[in-house]
């Protein structure tokens, strides 16, 4: 049973106002320190699959580590991608299965960092090397499909 102090966003891409979804995510992280939602896209394959439950926590100083999955608010949507760089107040992220990085966003767009990653009943490790999940031929195939 879901605890009363947490909210689960099961469909952040529904027909609701995108700004309202971002405000809800920000409010939840500020009030409770955590935000859970179901991953819907495939941009983070193989590390994060559609249907995985991701729990983000409020970012603290020192959490901006290259390679970490972060939750960003940009272009009216929530994006959970891997952090590539953080220079001069700008954060650059990219999905694991994408060829091109996302446009840099101001650090104020950072909502949280991945704290718990669930696939089915299993908790997956956060800090492992995601590139070892599939052999190089499979990674190439995923990028080029």
C-alpha atoms as a PDB file:
ATOM      1  CA  UNK A   1       0.000   0.000   0.000  1.00  0.00           C
ATOM      2  CA  UNK A   2       1.256   3.436  -0.877  1.00  0.00           C
ATOM      3  CA  UNK A   3       2.416   5.563   2.026  1.00  0.00           C
ATOM      4  CA  UNK A   4       0.464   8.807   2.514  1.00  0.00           C
ATOM      5  CA  UNK A   5       3.561  11.033   2.256  1.00  0.00           C
ATOM      6  CA  UNK A   6       4.406  10.024  -1.315  1.00  0.00           C
ATOM      7  CA  UNK A   7       2.751  10.568  -4.664  1.00  0.00           C
ATOM      8  CA  UNK A   8       3.148   8.250  -7.626  1.00  0.00           C
ATOM      9  CA  UNK A   9       2.957   9.898 -11.039  1.00  0.00           C
ATOM     10  CA  UNK A  10       1.865   6.991 -13.195  1.00  0.00           C
ATOM     11  CA  UNK A  11       1.259   8.910 -16.403  1.00  0.00           C
ATOM     12  CA  UNK A  12       3.142  12.199 -16.517  1.00  0.00           C
ATOM     13  CA  UNK A  13       2.425  12.481 -20.250  1.00  0.00           C
ATOM     14  CA  UNK A  14      -1.353  12.523 -20.044  1.00  0.00           C
ATOM     15  CA  UNK A  15      -3.415  15.340 -21.515  1.00  0.00           C
ATOM     16  CA  UNK A  16      -2.823  17.564 -18.484  1.00  0.00           C
ATOM     17  CA  UNK A  17      -1.105  20.922 -18.781  1.00  0.00           C
ATOM     18  CA  UNK A  18       2.655  20.181 -18.945  1.00  0.00           C
ATOM     19  CA  UNK A  19       3.404  23.127 -16.666  1.00  0.00           C
ATOM     20  CA  UNK A  20       1.064  21.637 -14.071  1.00  0.00           C
ATOM     21  CA  UNK A  21       2.991  18.320 -14.192  1.00  0.00           C
ATOM     22  CA  UNK A  22       6.279  20.135 -13.647  1.00  0.00           C
ATOM     23  CA  UNK A  23       4.796  22.176 -10.801  1.00  0.00           C
ATOM     24  CA  UNK A  24       3.426  18.991  -9.220  1.00  0.00           C
ATOM     25  CA  UNK A  25       6.846  17.339  -9.467  1.00  0.00           C
ATOM     26  CA  UNK A  26       8.583  20.393  -7.969  1.00  0.00           C
ATOM     27  CA  UNK A  27       6.014  20.654  -5.187  1.00  0.00           C
ATOM     28  CA  UNK A  28       6.287  16.950  -4.346  1.00  0.00           C
ATOM     29  CA  UNK A  29      10.082  17.088  -4.194  1.00  0.00           C
ATOM     30  CA  UNK A  30      10.022  20.235  -2.045  1.00  0.00           C
ATOM     31  CA  UNK A  31       7.408  18.915   0.373  1.00  0.00           C
ATOM     32  CA  UNK A  32       8.429  15.270   0.675  1.00  0.00           C
ATOM     33  CA  UNK A  33      11.949  15.098  -0.741  1.00  0.00           C
ATOM     34  CA  UNK A  34      10.993  12.248  -3.096  1.00  0.00           C
ATOM     35  CA  UNK A  35       9.129  11.742  -6.355  1.00  0.00           C
ATOM     36  CA  UNK A  36       8.212   8.366  -7.896  1.00  0.00           C
ATOM     37  CA  UNK A  37       6.995   7.777 -11.414  1.00  0.00           C
ATOM     38  CA  UNK A  38       6.882   5.163 -14.112  1.00  0.00           C
ATOM     39  CA  UNK A  39       9.388   5.512 -16.953  1.00  0.00           C
ATOM     40  CA  UNK A  40       7.543   5.725 -20.258  1.00  0.00           C
ATOM     41  CA  UNK A  41      10.128   6.410 -22.940  1.00  0.00           C
ATOM     42  CA  UNK A  42      12.950   4.345 -24.394  1.00  0.00           C
ATOM     43  CA  UNK A  43      15.668   7.004 -24.454  1.00  0.00           C
ATOM     44  CA  UNK A  44      17.437   5.475 -21.439  1.00  0.00           C
ATOM     45  CA  UNK A  45      17.570   1.874 -22.673  1.00  0.00           C
ATOM     46  CA  UNK A  46      19.189  -0.428 -21.628  1.00  0.00           C
ATOM     47  CA  UNK A  47      19.674   1.125 -18.166  1.00  0.00           C
ATOM     48  CA  UNK A  48      16.043   2.234 -17.713  1.00  0.00           C
ATOM     49  CA  UNK A  49      13.264   0.380 -19.499  1.00  0.00           C
ATOM     50  CA  UNK A  50       9.699   1.577 -20.067  1.00  0.00           C
ATOM     51  CA  UNK A  51       7.648   0.545 -17.051  1.00  0.00           C
ATOM     52  CA  UNK A  52      10.498   0.835 -14.532  1.00  0.00           C
ATOM     53  CA  UNK A  53       9.625   2.802 -11.400  1.00  0.00           C
ATOM     54  CA  UNK A  54      12.090   5.608 -10.732  1.00  0.00           C
ATOM     55  CA  UNK A  55      12.366   7.385  -7.387  1.00  0.00           C
ATOM     56  CA  UNK A  56      14.137  10.726  -7.424  1.00  0.00           C
ATOM     57  CA  UNK A  57      15.198  12.662  -4.373  1.00  0.00           C
ATOM     58  CA  UNK A  58      15.957  16.336  -4.004  1.00  0.00           C
ATOM     59  CA  UNK A  59      19.478  17.099  -5.216  1.00  0.00           C
ATOM     60  CA  UNK A  60      22.087  18.125  -2.660  1.00  0.00           C
ATOM     61  CA  UNK A  61      25.451  19.794  -3.225  1.00  0.00           C
ATOM     62  CA  UNK A  62      27.814  17.142  -4.498  1.00  0.00           C
ATOM     63  CA  UNK A  63      25.070  15.172  -6.276  1.00  0.00           C
ATOM     64  CA  UNK A  64      26.047  16.569  -9.662  1.00  0.00           C
ATOM     65  CA  UNK A  65      28.273  13.678 -10.649  1.00  0.00           C
ATOM     66  CA  UNK A  66      28.818  13.023 -14.333  1.00  0.00           C
ATOM     67  CA  UNK A  67      27.146   9.728 -15.241  1.00  0.00           C
ATOM     68  CA  UNK A  68      24.327  10.048 -12.708  1.00  0.00           C
ATOM     69  CA  UNK A  69      20.683  10.009 -13.836  1.00  0.00           C
ATOM     70  CA  UNK A  70      19.001  13.323 -13.061  1.00  0.00           C
ATOM     71  CA  UNK A  71      15.469  14.633 -13.403  1.00  0.00           C
ATOM     72  CA  UNK A  72      15.221  17.899 -15.334  1.00  0.00           C
ATOM     73  CA  UNK A  73      12.333  20.202 -16.200  1.00  0.00           C
ATOM     74  CA  UNK A  74      12.726  21.463 -19.735  1.00  0.00           C
ATOM     75  CA  UNK A  75      10.555  22.349 -22.714  1.00  0.00           C
ATOM     76  CA  UNK A  76       7.398  21.774 -20.682  1.00  0.00           C
ATOM     77  CA  UNK A  77       8.261  18.171 -19.822  1.00  0.00           C
ATOM     78  CA  UNK A  78      10.065  16.062 -17.264  1.00  0.00           C
ATOM     79  CA  UNK A  79      13.217  14.355 -18.560  1.00  0.00           C
ATOM     80  CA  UNK A  80      15.237  11.684 -16.749  1.00  0.00           C
ATOM     81  CA  UNK A  81      18.594  11.454 -18.530  1.00  0.00           C
ATOM     82  CA  UNK A  82      22.219  10.876 -17.643  1.00  0.00           C
ATOM     83  CA  UNK A  83      24.300  13.916 -16.683  1.00  0.00           C
ATOM     84  CA  UNK A  84      27.106  14.548 -19.195  1.00  0.00           C
ATOM     85  CA  UNK A  85      28.520  17.814 -17.865  1.00  0.00           C
ATOM     86  CA  UNK A  86      27.876  20.729 -15.539  1.00  0.00           C
ATOM     87  CA  UNK A  87      29.763  23.861 -16.509  1.00  0.00           C
ATOM     88  CA  UNK A  88      29.108  27.498 -15.671  1.00  0.00           C
ATOM     89  CA  UNK A  89      25.636  26.862 -14.293  1.00  0.00           C
ATOM     90  CA  UNK A  90      24.502  24.797 -17.310  1.00  0.00           C
ATOM     91  CA  UNK A  91      23.715  21.079 -17.178  1.00  0.00           C
ATOM     92  CA  UNK A  92      23.977  18.868 -20.254  1.00  0.00           C
ATOM     93  CA  UNK A  93      22.212  15.509 -20.230  1.00  0.00           C
ATOM     94  CA  UNK A  94      21.653  12.719 -22.721  1.00  0.00           C
ATOM     95  CA  UNK A  95      19.615   9.551 -22.961  1.00  0.00           C
ATOM     96  CA  UNK A  96      21.718   6.384 -23.076  1.00  0.00           C
ATOM     97  CA  UNK A  97      20.242   5.230 -26.387  1.00  0.00           C
ATOM     98  CA  UNK A  98      20.321   8.654 -28.061  1.00  0.00           C
ATOM     99  CA  UNK A  99      23.014   9.934 -30.412  1.00  0.00           C
ATOM    100  CA  UNK A 100      22.801  13.631 -29.562  1.00  0.00           C
ATOM    101  CA  UNK A 101      22.930  15.311 -26.133  1.00  0.00           C
ATOM    102  CA  UNK A 102      20.021  17.394 -24.896  1.00  0.00           C
ATOM    103  CA  UNK A 103      20.293  21.174 -25.113  1.00  0.00           C
ATOM    104  CA  UNK A 104      22.050  22.550 -22.006  1.00  0.00           C
ATOM    105  CA  UNK A 105      19.651  23.736 -19.303  1.00  0.00           C
ATOM    106  CA  UNK A 106      20.278  26.053 -16.363  1.00  0.00           C
ATOM    107  CA  UNK A 107      21.039  24.363 -13.054  1.00  0.00           C
ATOM    108  CA  UNK A 108      17.700  25.714 -11.775  1.00  0.00           C
ATOM    109  CA  UNK A 109      16.005  23.167 -14.073  1.00  0.00           C
ATOM    110  CA  UNK A 110      17.405  20.315 -11.992  1.00  0.00           C
ATOM    111  CA  UNK A 111      14.621  18.719  -9.954  1.00  0.00           C
ATOM    112  CA  UNK A 112      16.332  15.688  -8.452  1.00  0.00           C
ATOM    113  CA  UNK A 113      18.717  12.755  -8.735  1.00  0.00           C
ATOM    114  CA  UNK A 114      17.851   9.084  -9.112  1.00  0.00           C
ATOM    115  CA  UNK A 115      17.757   7.379  -5.730  1.00  0.00           C
ATOM    116  CA  UNK A 116      15.881   4.101  -6.329  1.00  0.00           C
ATOM    117  CA  UNK A 117      15.367   2.200  -9.582  1.00  0.00           C
ATOM    118  CA  UNK A 118      12.821  -0.644  -9.534  1.00  0.00           C
ATOM    119  CA  UNK A 119      12.129  -3.161 -12.278  1.00  0.00           C
ATOM    120  CA  UNK A 120       9.290  -5.407 -11.234  1.00  0.00           C
ATOM    121  CA  UNK A 121       9.990  -6.476  -7.661  1.00  0.00           C
ATOM    122  CA  UNK A 122      13.764  -5.874  -7.908  1.00  0.00           C
ATOM    123  CA  UNK A 123      15.738  -2.791  -6.935  1.00  0.00           C
ATOM    124  CA  UNK A 124      18.472  -2.209  -9.499  1.00  0.00           C
ATOM    125  CA  UNK A 125      21.857  -0.731  -8.578  1.00  0.00           C
ATOM    126  CA  UNK A 126      22.206   2.998  -9.211  1.00  0.00           C
ATOM    127  CA  UNK A 127      25.937   3.485  -9.649  1.00  0.00           C
ATOM    128  CA  UNK A 128      26.860   0.575 -11.934  1.00  0.00           C
ATOM    129  CA  UNK A 129      28.320   0.945 -15.424  1.00  0.00           C
ATOM    130  CA  UNK A 130      25.215   0.939 -17.630  1.00  0.00           C
ATOM    131  CA  UNK A 131      27.272   0.132 -20.729  1.00  0.00           C
ATOM    132  CA  UNK A 132      27.954  -3.367 -19.442  1.00  0.00           C
ATOM    133  CA  UNK A 133      24.253  -4.204 -19.531  1.00  0.00           C
ATOM    134  CA  UNK A 134      24.403  -5.240 -23.180  1.00  0.00           C
ATOM    135  CA  UNK A 135      27.237  -6.237 -25.494  1.00  0.00           C
ATOM    136  CA  UNK A 136      28.457  -3.597 -27.917  1.00  0.00           C
ATOM    137  CA  UNK A 137      26.572  -5.106 -30.873  1.00  0.00           C
ATOM    138  CA  UNK A 138      23.301  -4.819 -28.982  1.00  0.00           C
ATOM    139  CA  UNK A 139      24.050  -1.220 -28.036  1.00  0.00           C
ATOM    140  CA  UNK A 140      24.760  -0.425 -31.674  1.00  0.00           C
ATOM    141  CA  UNK A 141      21.483  -2.066 -32.699  1.00  0.00           C
ATOM    142  CA  UNK A 142      19.491  -0.089 -30.096  1.00  0.00           C
ATOM    143  CA  UNK A 143      21.030   3.206 -31.256  1.00  0.00           C
ATOM    144  CA  UNK A 144      20.392   2.516 -34.917  1.00  0.00           C
ATOM    145  CA  UNK A 145      16.852   1.145 -34.861  1.00  0.00           C
END
